[in-house]
C-alpha atoms as a PDB file:
ATOM      1  CA  MET A   1       0.000   0.000   0.000  1.00  0.00           C
ATOM      2  CA  SER A   2       1.325   3.446  -0.964  1.00  0.00           C
ATOM      3  CA  LYS A   3       0.813   5.392   2.252  1.00  0.00           C
ATOM      4  CA  LEU A   4       2.097   8.710   0.897  1.00  0.00           C
ATOM      5  CA  ALA A   5       0.452   8.588  -2.531  1.00  0.00           C
ATOM      6  CA  GLY A   6      -0.820  12.068  -3.347  1.00  0.00           C
ATOM      7  CA  LYS A   7       0.580  13.520  -0.112  1.00  0.00           C
ATOM      8  CA  THR A   8       2.757  16.635  -0.231  1.00  0.00           C
ATOM      9  CA  LEU A   9       6.085  16.879   1.582  1.00  0.00           C
ATOM     10  CA  PHE A  10       7.890  20.199   2.059  1.00  0.00           C
ATOM     11  CA  ILE A  11      11.555  19.210   2.590  1.00  0.00           C
ATOM     12  CA  THR A  12      14.353  21.675   3.264  1.00  0.00           C
ATOM     13  CA  GLY A  13      17.832  20.729   2.092  1.00  0.00           C
ATOM     14  CA  ALA A  14      16.381  18.111  -0.245  1.00  0.00           C
ATOM     15  CA  SER A  15      18.861  18.569  -3.098  1.00  0.00           C
ATOM     16  CA  ARG A  16      21.298  16.010  -1.676  1.00  0.00           C
ATOM     17  CA  GLY A  17      22.139  13.700   1.223  1.00  0.00           C
ATOM     18  CA  ILE A  18      19.593  12.824   3.874  1.00  0.00           C
ATOM     19  CA  GLY A  19      16.984  15.277   2.617  1.00  0.00           C
ATOM     20  CA  LYS A  20      17.071  13.741  -0.841  1.00  0.00           C
ATOM     21  CA  ALA A  21      16.937  10.203   0.595  1.00  0.00           C
ATOM     22  CA  ILE A  22      13.753  11.108   2.476  1.00  0.00           C
ATOM     23  CA  ALA A  23      12.320  12.638  -0.696  1.00  0.00           C
ATOM     24  CA  LEU A  24      13.127   9.594  -2.800  1.00  0.00           C
ATOM     25  CA  ARG A  25      11.540   7.184  -0.312  1.00  0.00           C
ATOM     26  CA  ALA A  26       8.328   9.226  -0.338  1.00  0.00           C
ATOM     27  CA  ALA A  27       8.489   9.506  -4.138  1.00  0.00           C
ATOM     28  CA  ARG A  28       8.308   5.722  -4.442  1.00  0.00           C
ATOM     29  CA  ASP A  29       4.784   6.015  -2.999  1.00  0.00           C
ATOM     30  CA  GLY A  30       3.840   8.654  -5.559  1.00  0.00           C
ATOM     31  CA  ALA A  31       4.185  11.627  -3.201  1.00  0.00           C
ATOM     32  CA  ASN A  32       4.557  15.276  -4.175  1.00  0.00           C
ATOM     33  CA  ILE A  33       7.871  16.771  -3.071  1.00  0.00           C
ATOM     34  CA  ALA A  34       8.696  20.451  -2.665  1.00  0.00           C
ATOM     35  CA  ILE A  35      12.512  20.544  -2.890  1.00  0.00           C
ATOM     36  CA  VAL A  36      13.436  23.563  -0.786  1.00  0.00           C
ATOM     37  CA  SER A  37      17.127  24.353  -1.144  1.00  0.00           C
ATOM     38  CA  LYS A  38      19.571  27.045  -2.219  1.00  0.00           C
ATOM     39  CA  THR A  39      21.524  24.847  -4.616  1.00  0.00           C
ATOM     40  CA  THR A  40      20.810  25.695  -8.244  1.00  0.00           C
ATOM     41  CA  GLU A  41      24.377  25.208  -9.522  1.00  0.00           C
ATOM     42  CA  PRO A  42      26.628  22.213  -8.726  1.00  0.00           C
ATOM     43  CA  HIS A  43      29.074  22.726  -5.854  1.00  0.00           C
ATOM     44  CA  PRO A  44      32.626  21.514  -6.602  1.00  0.00           C
ATOM     45  CA  LYS A  45      32.629  19.326  -3.483  1.00  0.00           C
ATOM     46  CA  LEU A  46      28.896  18.778  -2.907  1.00  0.00           C
ATOM     47  CA  PRO A  47      27.206  17.408  -6.035  1.00  0.00           C
ATOM     48  CA  GLY A  48      23.473  17.781  -6.603  1.00  0.00           C
ATOM     49  CA  THR A  49      21.050  20.620  -7.243  1.00  0.00           C
ATOM     50  CA  ILE A  50      17.324  21.128  -6.815  1.00  0.00           C
ATOM     51  CA  PHE A  51      16.963  20.267 -10.505  1.00  0.00           C
ATOM     52  CA  THR A  52      18.943  17.002 -10.451  1.00  0.00           C
ATOM     53  CA  ALA A  53      17.035  16.005  -7.309  1.00  0.00           C
ATOM     54  CA  ALA A  54      13.758  16.756  -9.099  1.00  0.00           C
ATOM     55  CA  GLU A  55      14.761  14.447 -11.945  1.00  0.00           C
ATOM     56  CA  GLU A  56      15.508  11.621  -9.507  1.00  0.00           C
ATOM     57  CA  ILE A  57      12.243  12.162  -7.641  1.00  0.00           C
ATOM     58  CA  GLU A  58      10.220  12.067 -10.856  1.00  0.00           C
ATOM     59  CA  ALA A  59      12.073   8.924 -11.963  1.00  0.00           C
ATOM     60  CA  ALA A  60      11.237   7.281  -8.618  1.00  0.00           C
ATOM     61  CA  GLY A  61       7.520   7.883  -9.165  1.00  0.00           C
ATOM     62  CA  GLY A  62       6.884  11.175  -7.404  1.00  0.00           C
ATOM     63  CA  LYS A  63       6.068  14.698  -8.504  1.00  0.00           C
ATOM     64  CA  ALA A  64       8.728  17.337  -7.845  1.00  0.00           C
ATOM     65  CA  LEU A  65       8.661  21.080  -7.388  1.00  0.00           C
ATOM     66  CA  PRO A  66      12.216  22.487  -7.258  1.00  0.00           C
ATOM     67  CA  LEU A  67      12.282  25.714  -5.240  1.00  0.00           C
ATOM     68  CA  ALA A  68      15.402  27.848  -4.886  1.00  0.00           C
ATOM     69  CA  VAL A  69      15.044  29.129  -1.316  1.00  0.00           C
ATOM     70  CA  ASP A  70      17.281  30.570   1.368  1.00  0.00           C
ATOM     71  CA  ILE A  71      15.376  29.614   4.527  1.00  0.00           C
ATOM     72  CA  ARG A  72      16.947  32.539   6.382  1.00  0.00           C
ATOM     73  CA  LEU A  73      14.708  34.875   4.379  1.00  0.00           C
ATOM     74  CA  ASP A  74      11.080  35.192   5.491  1.00  0.00           C
ATOM     75  CA  GLU A  75       9.795  36.304   2.085  1.00  0.00           C
ATOM     76  CA  ALA A  76      11.555  33.451   0.292  1.00  0.00           C
ATOM     77  CA  VAL A  77       9.985  30.828   2.561  1.00  0.00           C
ATOM     78  CA  GLU A  78       6.569  32.491   2.289  1.00  0.00           C
ATOM     79  CA  GLY A  79       6.831  32.331  -1.504  1.00  0.00           C
ATOM     80  CA  ALA A  80       7.891  28.682  -1.444  1.00  0.00           C
ATOM     81  CA  VAL A  81       4.960  27.712   0.782  1.00  0.00           C
ATOM     82  CA  GLU A  82       2.541  29.592  -1.481  1.00  0.00           C
ATOM     83  CA  ARG A  83       3.928  27.924  -4.629  1.00  0.00           C
ATOM     84  CA  THR A  84       3.760  24.488  -3.020  1.00  0.00           C
ATOM     85  CA  VAL A  85       0.123  24.938  -2.022  1.00  0.00           C
ATOM     86  CA  ALA A  86      -0.783  26.417  -5.415  1.00  0.00           C
ATOM     87  CA  THR A  87       0.871  23.477  -7.191  1.00  0.00           C
ATOM     88  CA  PHE A  88      -0.186  20.544  -5.010  1.00  0.00           C
ATOM     89  CA  GLY A  89      -3.177  21.861  -3.057  1.00  0.00           C
ATOM     90  CA  GLY A  90      -1.749  21.721   0.450  1.00  0.00           C
ATOM     91  CA  ILE A  91       1.064  20.462   2.683  1.00  0.00           C
ATOM     92  CA  ASP A  92       0.912  17.205   4.653  1.00  0.00           C
ATOM     93  CA  VAL A  93       4.455  16.786   5.943  1.00  0.00           C
ATOM     94  CA  VAL A  94       7.272  19.219   6.743  1.00  0.00           C
ATOM     95  CA  VAL A  95      10.818  17.899   7.026  1.00  0.00           C
ATOM     96  CA  ASN A  96      13.267  20.381   8.540  1.00  0.00           C
ATOM     97  CA  ASN A  97      16.528  18.938   7.300  1.00  0.00           C
ATOM     98  CA  ALA A  98      18.534  21.972   6.168  1.00  0.00           C
ATOM     99  CA  SER A  99      21.439  22.690   8.506  1.00  0.00           C
ATOM    100  CA  ALA A 100      24.769  24.454   8.641  1.00  0.00           C
ATOM    101  CA  ILE A 101      27.693  22.834  10.457  1.00  0.00           C
ATOM    102  CA  HIS A 102      31.001  24.204  11.784  1.00  0.00           C
ATOM    103  CA  LEU A 103      32.653  21.935  14.336  1.00  0.00           C
ATOM    104  CA  THR A 104      34.964  24.312  16.177  1.00  0.00           C
ATOM    105  CA  GLY A 105      35.642  25.466  19.706  1.00  0.00           C
ATOM    106  CA  THR A 106      34.690  28.868  21.020  1.00  0.00           C
ATOM    107  CA  LEU A 107      37.865  30.748  20.053  1.00  0.00           C
ATOM    108  CA  GLN A 108      37.921  29.140  16.615  1.00  0.00           C
ATOM    109  CA  THR A 109      34.289  29.933  15.731  1.00  0.00           C
ATOM    110  CA  PRO A 110      33.865  33.107  13.654  1.00  0.00           C
ATOM    111  CA  MET A 111      30.676  34.952  14.559  1.00  0.00           C
ATOM    112  CA  LYS A 112      29.705  34.795  10.892  1.00  0.00           C
ATOM    113  CA  ARG A 113      29.588  31.003  11.219  1.00  0.00           C
ATOM    114  CA  TYR A 114      27.756  31.217  14.551  1.00  0.00           C
ATOM    115  CA  ASP A 115      25.100  33.443  12.984  1.00  0.00           C
ATOM    116  CA  LEU A 116      24.780  31.180   9.933  1.00  0.00           C
ATOM    117  CA  MET A 117      24.186  28.055  12.022  1.00  0.00           C
ATOM    118  CA  HIS A 118      21.599  29.705  14.230  1.00  0.00           C
ATOM    119  CA  ALA A 119      19.866  31.411  11.304  1.00  0.00           C
ATOM    120  CA  ILE A 120      19.517  28.178   9.318  1.00  0.00           C
ATOM    121  CA  ASN A 121      19.236  25.496  11.981  1.00  0.00           C
ATOM    122  CA  THR A 122      17.165  27.064  14.744  1.00  0.00           C
ATOM    123  CA  ARG A 123      15.489  30.087  13.153  1.00  0.00           C
ATOM    124  CA  GLY A 124      15.003  28.414   9.779  1.00  0.00           C
ATOM    125  CA  THR A 125      13.322  25.411  11.385  1.00  0.00           C
ATOM    126  CA  PHE A 126      11.012  27.635  13.413  1.00  0.00           C
ATOM    127  CA  LEU A 127      10.177  29.812  10.389  1.00  0.00           C
ATOM    128  CA  VAL A 128       9.429  26.923   8.031  1.00  0.00           C
ATOM    129  CA  SER A 129       7.275  25.190  10.644  1.00  0.00           C
ATOM    130  CA  LYS A 130       5.387  28.415  11.425  1.00  0.00           C
ATOM    131  CA  LEU A 131       4.607  29.238   7.786  1.00  0.00           C
ATOM    132  CA  CYS A 132       3.592  25.681   6.882  1.00  0.00           C
ATOM    133  CA  LEU A 133       1.452  25.217   9.989  1.00  0.00           C
ATOM    134  CA  PRO A 134      -1.791  26.808   8.640  1.00  0.00           C
ATOM    135  CA  HIS A 135      -1.718  24.225   5.838  1.00  0.00           C
ATOM    136  CA  LEU A 136      -0.730  21.324   8.088  1.00  0.00           C
ATOM    137  CA  LEU A 137      -3.768  22.052  10.240  1.00  0.00           C
ATOM    138  CA  LYS A 138      -5.949  21.277   7.212  1.00  0.00           C
ATOM    139  CA  ALA A 139      -4.209  17.952   6.477  1.00  0.00           C
ATOM    140  CA  ALA A 140      -5.529  14.532   7.464  1.00  0.00           C
ATOM    141  CA  ASN A 141      -2.324  13.240   9.075  1.00  0.00           C
ATOM    142  CA  PRO A 142       0.039  16.205   9.477  1.00  0.00           C
ATOM    143  CA  HIS A 143       3.653  15.782  10.581  1.00  0.00           C
ATOM    144  CA  ILE A 144       6.667  17.976  11.268  1.00  0.00           C
ATOM    145  CA  LEU A 145       9.943  16.048  11.375  1.00  0.00           C
ATOM    146  CA  ASN A 146      13.173  17.779  12.429  1.00  0.00           C
ATOM    147  CA  LEU A 147      16.534  16.202  11.715  1.00  0.00           C
ATOM    148  CA  SER A 148      18.003  16.976  15.121  1.00  0.00           C
ATOM    149  CA  PRO A 149      19.478  15.088  18.085  1.00  0.00           C
ATOM    150  CA  PRO A 150      17.937  14.008  21.392  1.00  0.00           C
ATOM    151  CA  LEU A 151      17.977  16.751  24.034  1.00  0.00           C
ATOM    152  CA  ASN A 152      20.692  15.286  26.233  1.00  0.00           C
ATOM    153  CA  MET A 153      21.868  18.288  28.254  1.00  0.00           C
ATOM    154  CA  GLU A 154      25.312  16.954  29.071  1.00  0.00           C
ATOM    155  CA  ALA A 155      28.562  18.921  28.838  1.00  0.00           C
ATOM    156  CA  ARG A 156      30.227  16.309  26.589  1.00  0.00           C
ATOM    157  CA  TRP A 157      27.851  17.155  23.729  1.00  0.00           C
ATOM    158  CA  PHE A 158      28.608  20.878  23.997  1.00  0.00           C
ATOM    159  CA  ALA A 159      32.304  21.113  24.868  1.00  0.00           C
ATOM    160  CA  PRO A 160      33.854  20.264  21.452  1.00  0.00           C
ATOM    161  CA  HIS A 161      31.600  22.630  19.437  1.00  0.00           C
ATOM    162  CA  VAL A 162      29.379  24.811  21.620  1.00  0.00           C
ATOM    163  CA  ALA A 163      27.969  26.946  18.793  1.00  0.00           C
ATOM    164  CA  TYR A 164      26.959  24.000  16.595  1.00  0.00           C
ATOM    165  CA  THR A 165      25.381  22.076  19.465  1.00  0.00           C
ATOM    166  CA  MET A 166      23.367  25.117  20.508  1.00  0.00           C
ATOM    167  CA  ALA A 167      22.053  25.520  16.962  1.00  0.00           C
ATOM    168  CA  LYS A 168      21.111  21.842  16.569  1.00  0.00           C
ATOM    169  CA  PHE A 169      19.555  21.663  20.032  1.00  0.00           C
ATOM    170  CA  GLY A 170      17.503  24.698  19.019  1.00  0.00           C
ATOM    171  CA  MET A 171      15.864  22.472  16.399  1.00  0.00           C
ATOM    172  CA  SER A 172      15.240  19.845  19.069  1.00  0.00           C
ATOM    173  CA  MET A 173      13.689  22.416  21.394  1.00  0.00           C
ATOM    174  CA  CYS A 174      11.254  23.263  18.575  1.00  0.00           C
ATOM    175  CA  VAL A 175      10.175  19.609  18.736  1.00  0.00           C
ATOM    176  CA  LEU A 176       9.799  19.658  22.508  1.00  0.00           C
ATOM    177  CA  GLY A 177       7.669  22.804  22.503  1.00  0.00           C
ATOM    178  CA  MET A 178       5.663  22.455  19.301  1.00  0.00           C
ATOM    179  CA  ALA A 179       4.721  18.838  19.989  1.00  0.00           C
ATOM    180  CA  GLU A 180       2.936  19.879  23.159  1.00  0.00           C
ATOM    181  CA  GLU A 181       1.599  23.120  21.693  1.00  0.00           C
ATOM    182  CA  LEU A 182       0.045  21.320  18.721  1.00  0.00           C
ATOM    183  CA  ARG A 183      -0.947  18.066  20.423  1.00  0.00           C
ATOM    184  CA  ARG A 184      -4.667  18.863  20.629  1.00  0.00           C
ATOM    185  CA  GLN A 185      -4.701  19.945  16.973  1.00  0.00           C
ATOM    186  CA  GLY A 186      -3.323  16.580  15.919  1.00  0.00           C
ATOM    187  CA  VAL A 187      -0.019  17.684  14.407  1.00  0.00           C
ATOM    188  CA  GLY A 188       2.747  15.168  15.060  1.00  0.00           C
ATOM    189  CA  VAL A 189       6.088  16.847  15.784  1.00  0.00           C
ATOM    190  CA  ASN A 190       9.124  14.612  16.136  1.00  0.00           C
ATOM    191  CA  ALA A 191      12.908  14.526  15.776  1.00  0.00           C
ATOM    192  CA  LEU A 192      15.019  11.938  13.966  1.00  0.00           C
ATOM    193  CA  TRP A 193      18.757  11.376  14.356  1.00  0.00           C
ATOM    194  CA  PRO A 194      21.134   8.641  13.165  1.00  0.00           C
ATOM    195  CA  ARG A 195      22.899   6.252  15.488  1.00  0.00           C
ATOM    196  CA  THR A 196      25.903   6.242  13.160  1.00  0.00           C
ATOM    197  CA  ILE A 197      27.631   8.641  10.802  1.00  0.00           C
ATOM    198  CA  ILE A 198      25.695   8.932   7.534  1.00  0.00           C
ATOM    199  CA  GLY A 199      27.835   8.818   4.415  1.00  0.00           C
ATOM    200  CA  THR A 200      26.976  12.020   2.606  1.00  0.00           C
ATOM    201  CA  ALA A 201      29.157  14.152   0.350  1.00  0.00           C
ATOM    202  CA  ALA A 202      29.553  16.588   3.236  1.00  0.00           C
ATOM    203  CA  VAL A 203      31.108  13.863   5.404  1.00  0.00           C
ATOM    204  CA  GLN A 204      33.494  12.779   2.671  1.00  0.00           C
ATOM    205  CA  ASN A 205      34.553  16.200   1.425  1.00  0.00           C
ATOM    206  CA  LEU A 206      34.247  18.483   4.442  1.00  0.00           C
ATOM    207  CA  LEU A 207      34.299  16.460   7.670  1.00  0.00           C
ATOM    208  CA  GLY A 208      35.968  13.067   7.701  1.00  0.00           C
ATOM    209  CA  GLY A 209      37.289  12.052   4.297  1.00  0.00           C
ATOM    210  CA  ASP A 210      37.420   8.551   2.857  1.00  0.00           C
ATOM    211  CA  GLU A 211      38.173   6.814   6.152  1.00  0.00           C
ATOM    212  CA  LEU A 212      35.024   8.091   7.858  1.00  0.00           C
ATOM    213  CA  MET A 213      32.994   7.379   4.726  1.00  0.00           C
ATOM    214  CA  LYS A 214      34.056   3.723   4.886  1.00  0.00           C
ATOM    215  CA  ARG A 215      32.605   3.520   8.402  1.00  0.00           C
ATOM    216  CA  SER A 216      29.326   5.233   7.506  1.00  0.00           C
ATOM    217  CA  ARG A 217      25.841   4.143   6.530  1.00  0.00           C
ATOM    218  CA  ARG A 218      24.037   5.232   3.385  1.00  0.00           C
ATOM    219  CA  PRO A 219      21.425   8.021   3.680  1.00  0.00           C
ATOM    220  CA  ASP A 220      18.742   5.470   2.754  1.00  0.00           C
ATOM    221  CA  ILE A 221      18.512   4.386   6.396  1.00  0.00           C
ATOM    222  CA  MET A 222      17.314   7.860   7.337  1.00  0.00           C
ATOM    223  CA  GLY A 223      14.911   7.898   4.386  1.00  0.00           C
ATOM    224  CA  ASP A 224      13.351   4.630   5.518  1.00  0.00           C
ATOM    225  CA  ALA A 225      13.168   5.741   9.165  1.00  0.00           C
ATOM    226  CA  ALA A 226      11.602   9.092   8.246  1.00  0.00           C
ATOM    227  CA  TYR A 227       9.026   7.301   6.097  1.00  0.00           C
ATOM    228  CA  ALA A 228       8.076   5.052   9.009  1.00  0.00           C
ATOM    229  CA  ILE A 229       7.556   8.078  11.271  1.00  0.00           C
ATOM    230  CA  VAL A 230       5.524  10.319   8.962  1.00  0.00           C
ATOM    231  CA  THR A 231       3.190   7.475   7.987  1.00  0.00           C
ATOM    232  CA  ARG A 232       2.222   6.849  11.622  1.00  0.00           C
ATOM    233  CA  ASP A 233      -0.860   8.414  13.177  1.00  0.00           C
ATOM    234  CA  SER A 234       0.090  12.015  13.952  1.00  0.00           C
ATOM    235  CA  ARG A 235      -2.172  12.177  17.010  1.00  0.00           C
ATOM    236  CA  SER A 236      -0.412   9.322  18.764  1.00  0.00           C
ATOM    237  CA  CYS A 237       3.089   9.782  17.345  1.00  0.00           C
ATOM    238  CA  THR A 238       4.385  13.108  18.625  1.00  0.00           C
ATOM    239  CA  GLY A 239       7.043  14.538  20.929  1.00  0.00           C
ATOM    240  CA  ASN A 240       9.552  11.772  20.242  1.00  0.00           C
ATOM    241  CA  PHE A 241      13.300  11.995  19.728  1.00  0.00           C
ATOM    242  CA  PHE A 242      13.753   9.016  17.447  1.00  0.00           C
ATOM    243  CA  ILE A 243      16.978   7.200  16.531  1.00  0.00           C
ATOM    244  CA  ASP A 244      16.952   5.650  13.053  1.00  0.00           C
ATOM    245  CA  GLU A 245      17.880   2.121  14.191  1.00  0.00           C
ATOM    246  CA  ASP A 246      15.200   2.060  16.872  1.00  0.00           C
ATOM    247  CA  VAL A 247      12.512   3.194  14.433  1.00  0.00           C
ATOM    248  CA  LEU A 248      13.404   0.500  11.924  1.00  0.00           C
ATOM    249  CA  ARG A 249      13.688  -2.234  14.553  1.00  0.00           C
ATOM    250  CA  ALA A 250      10.103  -1.385  15.540  1.00  0.00           C
ATOM    251  CA  GLU A 251       9.205  -1.869  11.871  1.00  0.00           C
ATOM    252  CA  GLY A 252      10.742  -5.356  11.888  1.00  0.00           C
ATOM    253  CA  VAL A 253      14.228  -4.621  10.523  1.00  0.00           C
ATOM    254  CA  MET A 254      16.766  -6.792  12.324  1.00  0.00           C
ATOM    255  CA  SER A 255      19.881  -6.376  10.174  1.00  0.00           C
ATOM    256  CA  PHE A 256      21.394  -3.095   9.015  1.00  0.00           C
ATOM    257  CA  ASP A 257      24.154  -4.531   6.827  1.00  0.00           C
ATOM    258  CA  ALA A 258      22.337  -3.431   3.682  1.00  0.00           C
ATOM    259  CA  TYR A 259      22.779   0.216   4.704  1.00  0.00           C
ATOM    260  CA  ALA A 260      26.565   0.011   5.161  1.00  0.00           C
ATOM    261  CA  VAL A 261      28.757   2.020   2.799  1.00  0.00           C
ATOM    262  CA  THR A 262      31.376  -0.692   3.282  1.00  0.00           C
ATOM    263  CA  PRO A 263      29.710  -4.028   4.142  1.00  0.00           C
ATOM    264  CA  GLY A 264      31.358  -5.820   7.049  1.00  0.00           C
ATOM    265  CA  THR A 265      32.807  -2.631   8.552  1.00  0.00           C
ATOM    266  CA  ALA A 266      31.646  -1.490  11.987  1.00  0.00           C
ATOM    267  CA  PRO A 267      29.833   1.856  11.604  1.00  0.00           C
ATOM    268  CA  ALA A 268      31.154   4.929  13.405  1.00  0.00           C
ATOM    269  CA  PRO A 269      28.797   6.390  16.052  1.00  0.00           C
ATOM    270  CA  ASP A 270      27.323   9.823  15.419  1.00  0.00           C
ATOM    271  CA  PHE A 271      28.474  12.980  17.244  1.00  0.00           C
ATOM    272  CA  PHE A 272      25.510  13.027  19.653  1.00  0.00           C
ATOM    273  CA  ILE A 273      25.173   9.288  20.339  1.00  0.00           C
END
């Protein structure tokens, strides 16, 4: 059964990596995907644009709407929401995936990078959720899913990169607050985070290189986990900080070898796990 057939997903950062994996899994059901991202031209180290993602989504069986959007800009997000609703008739699921990352200590963090992370991660998540909410309230099974870590307020998660952790935990605090705020209206608000490093182009080219890539899992595991969450009943599935493995185990998946970038290699744990 195609649970997301005809449903509309508004996904930020969907031109590559985890965002695109979530889009492609929904596309296999025949979903409509608003690809909300800044990337219109290929990056030398981060391949993929909103247009190449749209081609893959259409090939997978979905309908795609590529939208060039900087989620730091209120007017740009407003326009993207309006175009999505005009094209597909509404919004059923919001996936706040877009994030900026800069893993440095306090003295090594330029304020420009601090501002970027907070503007995209925390403020962007709040803005996108706020502007999509009037349409989610009209949907039959509305979900907001933030790609952010569990709210474990321990020093070890902050000490190596205070600014980044603050920005990502801001996304998680949106889950904590909005889930309770919107509970009676039936909007499911949850977080999803990987147990292991996910092998994206950003990991290979900007963070860990080939060695970390070998110990990573493919983004498909996050696509499958996100699908399992947003197809659950939004009234009973809300306020959770999910880990991808746990979600899929609940769906009956017992082996994760198929997700390994390098089969037989022990995966590296994620930063916040």
